[in-house]
N, C-alpha and C. Protein backbone atom coordinates (compact mmCIF):
# COMPACT_ATOMS: atom_id res chain seq x y z
N MET A 1 -105.80 -114.69 -92.26
CA MET A 1 -106.75 -113.64 -91.91
C MET A 1 -107.13 -113.01 -93.07
N LYS A 2 -108.92 -113.10 -93.50
CA LYS A 2 -109.00 -112.47 -94.28
C LYS A 2 -109.61 -111.18 -93.75
N VAL A 3 -109.35 -109.68 -94.37
CA VAL A 3 -109.89 -108.92 -93.78
C VAL A 3 -111.05 -107.59 -94.80
N VAL A 4 -112.09 -106.95 -94.42
CA VAL A 4 -112.92 -106.81 -95.31
C VAL A 4 -113.27 -105.09 -94.82
N ILE A 5 -112.43 -104.14 -95.54
CA ILE A 5 -112.65 -102.45 -95.10
C ILE A 5 -113.81 -102.24 -95.57
N ALA A 6 -114.66 -101.75 -94.79
CA ALA A 6 -115.80 -101.32 -95.92
C ALA A 6 -115.28 -99.33 -95.90
N TYR A 7 -114.77 -99.10 -96.60
CA TYR A 7 -114.75 -97.91 -97.29
C TYR A 7 -115.46 -96.80 -97.88
N ASP A 8 -115.69 -95.70 -97.43
CA ASP A 8 -116.90 -94.61 -97.66
C ASP A 8 -116.17 -93.25 -98.03
N GLY A 9 -114.37 -93.30 -97.61
CA GLY A 9 -113.95 -91.58 -97.39
C GLY A 9 -114.17 -90.98 -96.47
N SER A 10 -114.96 -91.14 -95.34
CA SER A 10 -115.11 -91.06 -94.27
C SER A 10 -113.59 -90.65 -93.16
N GLN A 11 -113.85 -89.76 -92.25
CA GLN A 11 -112.60 -89.71 -91.77
C GLN A 11 -112.27 -91.17 -90.78
N ASP A 12 -113.84 -91.62 -90.41
CA ASP A 12 -113.68 -92.78 -89.67
C ASP A 12 -113.50 -94.09 -90.39
N ALA A 13 -113.82 -93.93 -91.51
CA ALA A 13 -113.22 -95.33 -92.73
C ALA A 13 -111.69 -95.19 -92.88
N LYS A 14 -111.18 -93.90 -92.74
CA LYS A 14 -110.07 -93.76 -93.13
C LYS A 14 -109.37 -94.25 -91.54
N GLU A 15 -109.34 -94.17 -90.94
CA GLU A 15 -109.22 -94.81 -89.53
C GLU A 15 -108.86 -95.66 -89.23
N GLY A 16 -110.20 -96.59 -89.83
CA GLY A 16 -109.95 -97.89 -90.06
C GLY A 16 -109.14 -98.67 -90.75
N LEU A 17 -108.55 -97.99 -92.08
CA LEU A 17 -107.23 -98.32 -92.96
C LEU A 17 -106.26 -98.13 -91.86
N LYS A 18 -105.47 -97.10 -91.14
CA LYS A 18 -104.85 -97.03 -90.21
C LYS A 18 -104.77 -97.86 -88.53
N VAL A 19 -105.30 -98.82 -89.09
CA VAL A 19 -106.34 -99.57 -87.86
C VAL A 19 -105.63 -100.80 -87.84
N ALA A 20 -105.79 -101.27 -89.37
CA ALA A 20 -105.24 -102.38 -90.36
C ALA A 20 -104.21 -101.99 -89.98
N GLN A 21 -103.28 -101.23 -91.02
CA GLN A 21 -101.63 -101.21 -90.74
C GLN A 21 -101.41 -101.56 -89.70
N LYS A 22 -101.89 -101.12 -88.57
CA LYS A 22 -101.01 -100.45 -87.48
C LYS A 22 -101.01 -101.62 -86.59
N PHE A 23 -102.18 -102.31 -86.22
CA PHE A 23 -102.56 -103.25 -85.61
C PHE A 23 -102.65 -105.16 -86.15
N LEU A 24 -103.10 -104.76 -87.04
CA LEU A 24 -103.14 -106.17 -87.72
C LEU A 24 -102.21 -106.60 -88.59
N ARG A 25 -101.45 -106.11 -89.32
CA ARG A 25 -100.02 -106.51 -90.17
C ARG A 25 -99.46 -107.24 -90.04
N GLU A 26 -99.62 -107.99 -88.78
CA GLU A 26 -98.92 -109.45 -88.88
C GLU A 26 -99.60 -110.55 -89.05
N VAL A 27 -101.06 -110.74 -89.30
CA VAL A 27 -101.82 -110.98 -89.42
C VAL A 27 -103.07 -111.17 -90.37
N ILE A 28 -102.73 -110.23 -91.41
CA ILE A 28 -103.60 -109.95 -92.36
C ILE A 28 -103.05 -110.79 -93.45
N ASP A 29 -103.63 -111.81 -93.72
CA ASP A 29 -103.75 -112.66 -95.28
C ASP A 29 -104.00 -111.96 -96.50
N GLU A 30 -105.16 -110.95 -96.72
CA GLU A 30 -105.98 -110.73 -97.51
C GLU A 30 -106.36 -109.39 -97.45
N VAL A 31 -106.36 -108.11 -98.53
CA VAL A 31 -107.90 -107.18 -97.69
C VAL A 31 -108.64 -106.84 -98.94
N VAL A 32 -109.67 -107.21 -97.95
CA VAL A 32 -110.61 -106.59 -99.73
C VAL A 32 -111.97 -104.72 -99.15
N LEU A 33 -111.14 -104.25 -99.88
CA LEU A 33 -112.02 -102.72 -99.65
C LEU A 33 -113.44 -102.84 -100.72
N LEU A 34 -114.15 -102.74 -99.87
CA LEU A 34 -115.78 -102.52 -100.08
C LEU A 34 -116.06 -101.14 -100.29
N TYR A 35 -116.94 -100.67 -101.05
CA TYR A 35 -118.00 -99.35 -101.49
C TYR A 35 -118.87 -100.00 -101.76
N VAL A 36 -120.08 -99.26 -101.26
CA VAL A 36 -121.73 -99.81 -101.59
C VAL A 36 -122.10 -98.43 -101.77
N VAL A 37 -122.39 -98.35 -103.21
CA VAL A 37 -123.67 -97.30 -103.40
C VAL A 37 -124.68 -97.15 -103.10
N ARG A 38 -125.10 -97.39 -102.89
CA ARG A 38 -126.57 -96.08 -102.66
C ARG A 38 -127.53 -95.95 -103.58
N LYS A 39 -128.39 -97.26 -103.70
CA LYS A 39 -129.06 -97.14 -105.14
C LYS A 39 -130.33 -96.67 -104.31
N ARG A 40 -131.27 -95.92 -105.28
CA ARG A 40 -132.58 -95.15 -105.33
C ARG A 40 -133.30 -95.38 -106.03
N GLU A 41 -134.50 -95.92 -105.97
CA GLU A 41 -135.79 -96.28 -106.78
C GLU A 41 -135.95 -95.26 -108.11
N ASP A 42 -135.32 -93.93 -107.90
CA ASP A 42 -135.83 -93.05 -109.17
C ASP A 42 -134.06 -93.12 -109.88
N MET A 43 -133.29 -93.82 -109.51
CA MET A 43 -131.56 -93.75 -109.85
C MET A 43 -131.77 -93.96 -110.91
N SER A 44 -131.52 -92.79 -112.06
CA SER A 44 -131.23 -93.66 -113.43
C SER A 44 -129.39 -94.62 -113.51
N LYS A 45 -130.03 -94.98 -114.48
CA LYS A 45 -128.17 -95.45 -115.39
C LYS A 45 -127.32 -95.02 -115.04
N GLU A 46 -127.16 -94.00 -115.57
CA GLU A 46 -126.20 -93.29 -115.37
C GLU A 46 -125.92 -92.70 -114.35
N GLU A 47 -126.70 -92.28 -113.34
CA GLU A 47 -126.30 -92.01 -111.82
C GLU A 47 -125.54 -92.51 -110.83
N GLU A 48 -126.27 -94.16 -111.27
CA GLU A 48 -125.40 -95.09 -110.63
C GLU A 48 -123.45 -95.11 -111.36
N GLU A 49 -123.46 -95.41 -112.59
CA GLU A 49 -122.35 -95.75 -113.47
C GLU A 49 -121.64 -94.56 -112.70
N LYS A 50 -121.82 -93.24 -112.32
CA LYS A 50 -121.25 -92.73 -112.04
C LYS A 50 -121.29 -92.58 -110.66
N GLU A 51 -121.58 -92.77 -109.55
CA GLU A 51 -121.81 -93.05 -108.18
C GLU A 51 -120.88 -95.02 -108.46
N ILE A 52 -120.78 -95.14 -109.18
CA ILE A 52 -119.82 -96.51 -109.19
C ILE A 52 -118.27 -96.07 -109.04
N GLU A 53 -118.41 -95.05 -110.84
CA GLU A 53 -117.37 -94.33 -110.77
C GLU A 53 -116.21 -93.47 -109.56
N LYS A 54 -117.10 -93.26 -108.97
CA LYS A 54 -116.44 -92.26 -107.67
C LYS A 54 -116.00 -93.57 -106.55
N GLY A 55 -117.01 -94.09 -106.19
CA GLY A 55 -116.70 -95.68 -105.47
C GLY A 55 -114.95 -95.88 -105.72
N LYS A 56 -115.02 -96.53 -107.01
CA LYS A 56 -113.78 -97.09 -107.51
C LYS A 56 -112.70 -96.07 -107.40
N LYS A 57 -113.02 -94.51 -107.32
CA LYS A 57 -111.70 -93.27 -106.87
C LYS A 57 -110.88 -93.66 -105.85
N LEU A 58 -112.43 -94.03 -105.05
CA LEU A 58 -111.66 -93.76 -103.53
C LEU A 58 -111.28 -94.74 -103.25
N LEU A 59 -111.30 -95.78 -104.05
CA LEU A 59 -111.26 -97.14 -103.22
C LEU A 59 -109.71 -97.60 -103.89
N GLU A 60 -109.48 -96.72 -104.84
CA GLU A 60 -108.09 -96.42 -105.25
C GLU A 60 -107.40 -95.92 -104.56
N GLU A 61 -107.59 -94.71 -103.82
CA GLU A 61 -106.88 -94.11 -102.64
C GLU A 61 -106.83 -94.59 -101.39
N ALA A 62 -107.77 -95.36 -100.92
CA ALA A 62 -107.70 -96.19 -99.94
C ALA A 62 -106.22 -97.32 -99.91
N LYS A 63 -106.18 -97.99 -101.64
CA LYS A 63 -104.94 -98.83 -102.00
C LYS A 63 -103.96 -98.38 -101.67
N ASN A 64 -103.78 -96.70 -102.43
CA ASN A 64 -102.72 -96.40 -101.89
C ASN A 64 -102.21 -96.57 -100.57
N GLU A 65 -103.23 -96.07 -100.15
CA GLU A 65 -102.72 -95.84 -98.48
C GLU A 65 -102.07 -96.84 -97.57
N ILE A 66 -102.82 -98.14 -98.16
CA ILE A 66 -102.23 -99.57 -97.80
C ILE A 66 -101.21 -100.03 -98.74
N LYS A 67 -101.04 -100.03 -99.74
CA LYS A 67 -100.36 -100.48 -100.49
C LYS A 67 -98.78 -100.97 -99.86
N ASP A 68 -98.39 -101.88 -100.37
CA ASP A 68 -97.66 -103.09 -99.95
C ASP A 68 -97.08 -103.25 -99.21
N ALA A 69 -98.94 -103.27 -98.29
CA ALA A 69 -98.61 -103.84 -96.60
C ALA A 69 -99.49 -104.92 -96.78
N PHE A 70 -100.27 -104.75 -98.18
CA PHE A 70 -100.83 -106.46 -97.79
C PHE A 70 -101.46 -106.83 -99.40
N LYS A 71 -101.78 -107.96 -99.54
CA LYS A 71 -103.20 -108.33 -100.84
C LYS A 71 -103.91 -107.93 -101.05
N ILE A 72 -104.04 -106.83 -101.33
CA ILE A 72 -105.44 -106.09 -101.66
C ILE A 72 -106.80 -106.58 -102.89
N LYS A 73 -107.52 -106.35 -102.88
CA LYS A 73 -108.61 -106.65 -103.80
C LYS A 73 -109.89 -105.48 -103.52
N GLU A 74 -110.32 -104.87 -104.80
CA GLU A 74 -111.49 -103.81 -103.99
C GLU A 74 -112.85 -104.19 -105.15
N SER A 75 -113.93 -104.03 -104.43
CA SER A 75 -115.13 -104.48 -104.84
C SER A 75 -116.28 -103.01 -104.52
N VAL A 76 -117.18 -102.79 -105.57
CA VAL A 76 -117.86 -101.48 -105.77
C VAL A 76 -119.06 -102.59 -105.92
N ILE A 77 -119.98 -102.27 -104.98
CA ILE A 77 -121.35 -103.09 -105.14
C ILE A 77 -122.45 -101.75 -105.17
N ALA A 78 -123.42 -101.98 -105.69
CA ALA A 78 -124.96 -100.87 -105.63
C ALA A 78 -126.29 -101.90 -104.92
N ASP A 79 -126.71 -101.49 -104.36
CA ASP A 79 -127.72 -101.84 -103.21
C ASP A 79 -128.30 -100.73 -102.48
N TYR A 80 -130.20 -101.21 -102.58
CA TYR A 80 -130.73 -100.66 -101.96
C TYR A 80 -130.59 -100.15 -100.31
N SER A 81 -129.91 -100.97 -99.85
CA SER A 81 -128.92 -101.03 -98.37
C SER A 81 -127.90 -101.33 -98.07
N ILE A 82 -127.49 -100.28 -97.53
CA ILE A 82 -125.54 -100.35 -97.92
C ILE A 82 -125.64 -101.42 -96.64
N ALA A 83 -126.16 -101.44 -95.22
CA ALA A 83 -126.12 -102.67 -94.16
C ALA A 83 -125.82 -104.01 -94.76
N GLU A 84 -127.36 -104.10 -95.52
CA GLU A 84 -127.38 -105.40 -95.97
C GLU A 84 -126.72 -105.98 -97.01
N ALA A 85 -126.17 -105.15 -97.87
CA ALA A 85 -124.82 -105.22 -99.15
C ALA A 85 -123.65 -105.49 -98.24
N ILE A 86 -123.41 -104.89 -97.14
CA ILE A 86 -121.82 -105.28 -96.64
C ILE A 86 -122.14 -106.47 -95.35
N LEU A 87 -123.38 -106.76 -95.18
CA LEU A 87 -123.69 -108.16 -94.02
C LEU A 87 -123.76 -109.22 -95.55
N ASN A 88 -124.09 -109.15 -96.93
CA ASN A 88 -123.87 -110.14 -97.82
C ASN A 88 -122.65 -110.28 -98.07
N PHE A 89 -121.84 -109.07 -98.35
CA PHE A 89 -120.60 -109.37 -98.77
C PHE A 89 -119.75 -109.65 -97.68
N VAL A 90 -119.51 -109.58 -96.69
CA VAL A 90 -118.84 -110.60 -95.78
C VAL A 90 -118.81 -111.77 -95.18
N GLU A 91 -120.44 -111.78 -95.56
CA GLU A 91 -120.71 -113.61 -95.78
C GLU A 91 -120.41 -114.03 -96.28
N ASN A 92 -120.52 -113.63 -97.53
CA ASN A 92 -119.78 -114.60 -99.42
C ASN A 92 -118.68 -114.32 -99.03
N GLU A 93 -117.60 -113.57 -98.66
CA GLU A 93 -116.18 -113.63 -98.85
C GLU A 93 -114.95 -114.12 -97.41
N GLU A 94 -116.94 -114.81 -96.70
CA GLU A 94 -115.84 -115.70 -95.65
C GLU A 94 -114.69 -114.75 -94.73
N ALA A 95 -114.86 -113.60 -94.12
CA ALA A 95 -114.16 -112.32 -93.92
C ALA A 95 -114.26 -112.87 -92.39
N ASP A 96 -112.69 -113.06 -91.91
CA ASP A 96 -112.15 -113.09 -90.55
C ASP A 96 -113.09 -112.05 -89.66
N ILE A 97 -112.94 -110.82 -90.23
CA ILE A 97 -113.30 -109.02 -89.43
C ILE A 97 -113.71 -108.09 -91.15
N LEU A 98 -114.44 -107.68 -90.33
CA LEU A 98 -114.90 -106.21 -91.03
C LEU A 98 -114.78 -105.32 -89.92
N ILE A 99 -114.00 -104.10 -90.75
CA ILE A 99 -113.14 -102.88 -90.21
C ILE A 99 -114.27 -102.13 -90.57
N MET A 100 -114.80 -101.24 -90.36
CA MET A 100 -115.79 -99.86 -91.01
C MET A 100 -116.05 -98.45 -89.78
N GLY A 101 -116.17 -97.77 -90.25
CA GLY A 101 -116.17 -96.88 -89.29
C GLY A 101 -117.83 -96.84 -88.44
N ALA A 102 -117.54 -95.58 -87.91
CA ALA A 102 -118.73 -95.85 -86.89
C ALA A 102 -119.93 -94.43 -87.20
N ARG A 103 -119.48 -93.92 -88.43
CA ARG A 103 -120.70 -92.97 -88.78
C ARG A 103 -119.85 -92.58 -90.42
N GLY A 104 -120.66 -92.87 -91.51
CA GLY A 104 -120.04 -92.50 -92.98
C GLY A 104 -120.22 -90.92 -93.52
N ILE A 105 -120.62 -90.43 -94.59
CA ILE A 105 -120.12 -89.41 -95.06
C ILE A 105 -121.57 -88.37 -95.05
N ARG A 106 -122.27 -88.66 -94.40
CA ARG A 106 -123.81 -88.07 -94.73
C ARG A 106 -124.32 -86.87 -93.73
N PRO A 107 -123.59 -85.06 -93.95
CA PRO A 107 -123.53 -84.49 -93.17
C PRO A 107 -124.89 -84.82 -92.46
N ASP A 108 -125.85 -85.12 -92.40
CA ASP A 108 -127.13 -84.27 -92.03
C ASP A 108 -127.53 -85.08 -90.46
N ILE A 109 -126.06 -86.60 -90.85
CA ILE A 109 -126.67 -87.42 -89.70
C ILE A 109 -124.98 -86.99 -88.87
N ILE A 110 -125.23 -86.49 -87.38
CA ILE A 110 -123.96 -86.04 -86.91
C ILE A 110 -124.21 -86.45 -85.47
N ARG A 111 -123.95 -87.63 -84.65
CA ARG A 111 -124.50 -88.27 -83.44
C ARG A 111 -122.96 -88.24 -82.58
N TYR A 112 -123.10 -88.88 -81.20
CA TYR A 112 -122.29 -89.87 -80.69
C TYR A 112 -122.20 -90.98 -80.18
N THR A 113 -123.36 -91.25 -81.20
CA THR A 113 -123.11 -92.49 -81.28
C THR A 113 -123.01 -93.52 -82.12
N LEU A 114 -123.00 -94.53 -82.80
CA LEU A 114 -122.78 -95.25 -83.70
C LEU A 114 -123.81 -94.53 -85.16
N GLY A 115 -123.46 -94.76 -86.34
CA GLY A 115 -124.37 -93.86 -87.47
C GLY A 115 -125.51 -94.84 -87.65
N SER A 116 -126.29 -95.56 -88.35
CA SER A 116 -127.29 -96.03 -88.55
C SER A 116 -126.89 -97.85 -89.29
N THR A 117 -125.99 -97.54 -90.27
CA THR A 117 -125.87 -98.60 -90.94
C THR A 117 -124.79 -99.35 -90.17
N ALA A 118 -123.22 -98.66 -89.56
CA ALA A 118 -122.75 -99.74 -88.27
C ALA A 118 -123.73 -100.02 -87.22
N ALA A 119 -124.96 -99.73 -86.94
CA ALA A 119 -125.65 -100.38 -85.75
C ALA A 119 -125.88 -101.48 -86.23
N LYS A 120 -126.51 -101.65 -87.99
CA LYS A 120 -127.19 -102.86 -88.20
C LYS A 120 -126.21 -103.38 -88.78
N VAL A 121 -125.38 -103.13 -89.04
CA VAL A 121 -124.41 -104.50 -89.59
C VAL A 121 -123.84 -105.10 -88.20
N VAL A 122 -123.72 -104.41 -86.96
CA VAL A 122 -123.21 -104.98 -85.79
C VAL A 122 -124.22 -105.52 -85.17
N SER A 123 -125.10 -105.47 -85.43
CA SER A 123 -126.52 -106.39 -84.72
C SER A 123 -126.16 -107.68 -85.62
N PHE A 124 -126.02 -107.98 -87.09
CA PHE A 124 -125.99 -109.09 -87.40
C PHE A 124 -125.16 -109.47 -88.25
N ALA A 125 -124.02 -109.48 -88.04
CA ALA A 125 -122.57 -109.46 -88.44
C ALA A 125 -122.15 -110.93 -88.24
N PRO A 126 -122.21 -112.10 -89.39
CA PRO A 126 -120.85 -113.17 -89.36
C PRO A 126 -120.15 -113.63 -88.92
N CYS A 127 -119.23 -112.26 -89.30
CA CYS A 127 -117.89 -112.12 -87.90
C CYS A 127 -117.33 -110.52 -86.94
N SER A 128 -116.01 -110.82 -86.65
CA SER A 128 -116.29 -109.86 -85.85
C SER A 128 -115.41 -108.41 -85.86
N ILE A 129 -116.21 -107.80 -85.89
CA ILE A 129 -116.23 -106.43 -86.40
C ILE A 129 -115.46 -105.69 -84.91
N TYR A 130 -114.64 -104.26 -86.53
CA TYR A 130 -113.75 -103.83 -85.36
C TYR A 130 -114.31 -102.55 -85.68
N ILE A 131 -115.22 -101.51 -84.81
CA ILE A 131 -115.44 -100.06 -85.59
C ILE A 131 -114.40 -99.06 -85.06
N ALA A 132 -114.47 -98.25 -86.56
CA ALA A 132 -113.34 -97.20 -86.29
C ALA A 132 -113.39 -95.88 -86.28
N LYS A 133 -113.17 -94.97 -84.78
CA LYS A 133 -113.68 -93.86 -85.17
C LYS A 133 -112.94 -92.30 -85.02
N LYS A 134 -112.61 -92.12 -86.06
CA LYS A 134 -111.83 -91.08 -85.81
C LYS A 134 -111.42 -90.37 -84.32
N LYS A 135 -110.43 -90.05 -83.53
CA LYS A 135 -109.71 -89.19 -82.56
C LYS A 135 -110.18 -88.40 -82.72
C-alpha cells in the first residue's frame, strides 16, 4: 500500500504520522511525505526557495519520527493552491490512501470543522483519505 502524508508541521499532521505508525504499519509498502509551499503572485524567487527549505526541514523532522518503520520518500512542491497540489500529487503517485491533518498551521483559521484545504481535498480526492485531528 502506498500512503501519502501531507505534512505541514501542524499538530493535526503530527497526529497523522502517529496514525500511520500505529494502525497502518502492517500494510504500508511506501510512505511519501509531502509538503506544499503556498505560492503567491508577489512572492520572490528567494522567498519561494526559503519556503522550500523550510518544507525540507519539516519533512526531515517527520521522517525522523517514523524512520525505520517504512520505505520513505519526500517531496516538496510549490503551487498557488495547496488543495489542488495535493490532489494532483496523490493522483500522479497513484496513492492508495492520503493522510492529512484536519487543519493546518494558519493561526487565523480556528474552527471545529475541517480546514478549507482539507475540505477541498476530501471533496475531490481520487483515493481514500484519513483526516487526522489532534485530541
